[in-house]
Protein backbone atom coordinates (compact mmCIF):
# COMPACT_ATOMS: atom_id res chain seq x y z
CA MET A 1 0.00 -0.13 -0.12
CA THR A 2 2.53 2.47 0.83
CA ALA A 3 4.20 1.57 -2.81
CA LEU A 4 0.97 2.85 -4.60
CA THR A 5 0.08 5.48 -1.80
CA PHE A 6 3.07 7.42 -1.94
CA PHE A 7 4.89 6.26 -5.49
CA PRO A 8 2.34 6.27 -8.00
CA GLU A 9 4.44 7.44 -10.70
CA ARG A 10 6.98 4.86 -9.94
CA PHE A 11 4.21 2.00 -9.76
CA SER A 12 2.05 2.98 -11.81
CA LEU A 13 1.49 -0.87 -13.61
CA PRO A 14 -0.72 -3.55 -11.48
CA PHE A 15 1.06 -6.06 -9.15
CA ALA A 16 1.20 -9.55 -10.45
CA ASP A 17 0.07 -11.76 -7.10
CA SER A 18 2.22 -14.46 -8.35
CA VAL A 19 5.29 -12.59 -8.45
CA HIS A 20 4.56 -9.37 -6.39
CA GLY A 21 2.62 -11.35 -3.67
CA LYS A 22 5.53 -13.59 -2.87
CA ILE A 23 7.80 -10.58 -2.75
CA PHE A 24 5.23 -8.90 -0.39
CA ASP A 25 4.86 -12.10 1.90
CA LEU A 26 8.61 -12.34 1.99
CA ILE A 27 9.60 -8.84 3.24
CA ASP A 28 7.11 -8.93 5.83
CA GLY A 29 7.90 -12.20 6.99
CA PRO A 30 10.12 -12.70 10.08
CA ASP A 31 13.14 -13.70 8.16
CA GLN A 32 16.10 -10.86 8.27
CA LYS A 33 17.50 -12.27 4.92
CA VAL A 34 15.74 -13.46 2.16
CA ALA A 35 16.51 -13.85 -1.82
CA ILE A 36 14.07 -12.85 -4.14
CA ALA A 37 13.91 -14.25 -7.45
CA ALA A 38 12.04 -12.50 -10.32
CA PRO A 39 12.27 -11.08 -13.52
CA ARG A 40 14.47 -8.18 -14.56
CA GLY A 41 12.17 -5.13 -14.43
CA TRP A 42 9.78 -6.17 -12.18
CA GLY A 43 10.30 -3.60 -9.35
CA LYS A 44 12.25 -5.87 -7.03
CA THR A 45 14.46 -3.38 -6.27
CA SER A 46 11.79 -0.05 -6.05
CA ILE A 47 9.81 -2.47 -3.89
CA VAL A 48 12.39 -3.03 -1.21
CA ALA A 49 15.02 -0.17 -1.39
CA LEU A 50 11.89 2.74 -2.05
CA ALA A 51 8.47 1.22 -0.83
CA LEU A 52 9.75 -0.65 2.22
CA ILE A 53 12.16 1.96 3.14
CA ALA A 54 9.24 4.47 3.16
CA ARG A 55 7.27 2.39 5.34
CA TYR A 56 9.94 2.00 7.78
CA ILE A 57 10.16 5.63 7.86
CA LEU A 58 6.67 6.33 8.24
CA PHE A 59 6.24 3.95 10.88
CA ARG A 60 9.15 4.17 12.73
CA LYS A 61 10.39 0.55 12.30
CA CYS A 62 14.01 -0.24 13.43
CA LEU A 63 16.35 -0.29 10.22
CA ASP A 64 19.77 -2.01 10.72
CA LEU A 65 21.90 0.53 8.85
CA ASN A 66 25.23 -1.53 9.58
CA SER A 67 25.73 -2.24 6.00
CA GLY A 68 27.17 0.41 3.79
CA GLN A 69 25.99 -1.63 0.79
CA ILE A 70 22.29 -0.58 2.42
CA ILE A 71 22.99 3.22 3.04
CA ALA A 72 24.46 3.36 -0.93
CA ALA A 73 21.57 1.69 -2.33
CA LEU A 74 19.18 4.05 -0.16
CA TYR A 75 20.52 7.52 -0.53
CA GLY A 76 18.54 8.13 -3.55
CA CYS A 77 15.23 6.34 -2.48
CA VAL A 78 15.58 8.80 0.59
CA GLN A 79 16.31 11.68 -0.71
CA LYS A 80 13.11 11.27 -3.41
CA LEU A 81 11.01 9.93 -0.34
CA MET A 82 11.49 13.79 1.77
CA ALA A 83 10.93 15.31 -1.45
CA LYS A 84 8.04 13.65 -1.42
CA VAL A 85 6.86 14.17 2.02
CA GLU A 86 7.74 18.09 1.58
CA GLN A 87 5.21 17.66 -1.54
CA LEU A 88 2.68 16.11 1.05
CA GLU A 89 3.28 18.59 3.53
CA ALA A 90 2.81 21.53 1.02
CA ASP A 91 -0.75 20.00 -0.72
CA TYR A 92 -1.87 19.47 3.10
CA SER A 93 -0.92 22.80 4.72
CA MET A 94 -2.68 24.27 1.24
CA LYS A 95 -5.50 22.09 1.86
CA LYS A 96 -6.16 22.63 5.36
CA ALA A 97 -5.94 26.57 4.66
CA LYS A 98 -8.79 26.70 2.47
CA CYS A 99 -10.79 24.23 5.35
CA ASP A 100 -9.87 26.86 7.51
CA ALA A 101 -10.79 29.87 5.28
CA LYS A 102 -14.24 28.35 4.94
CA ILE A 103 -15.08 28.04 8.92
């Protein structure tokens, strides 16, 4: 849901339950490390490095940032997330101001 809500431009195609459903099950499961095999271009990296990390940030889940590889992979994604959050805050403020003005 985080993927579709916050990154509709990245996740514009419907998810295939046979592939993406398994990916979501793996990342929501109890295992700390999993291998995800899916065809090239099916959004594995976008799901894990963008949507999952966004969900972790939004819901304040604990991240293990001991791995330099994780930090390198997420740097651009976090920048995009922060830009999206700023956009959402601006949109919310505009809507809130309009609602307040009507009262």
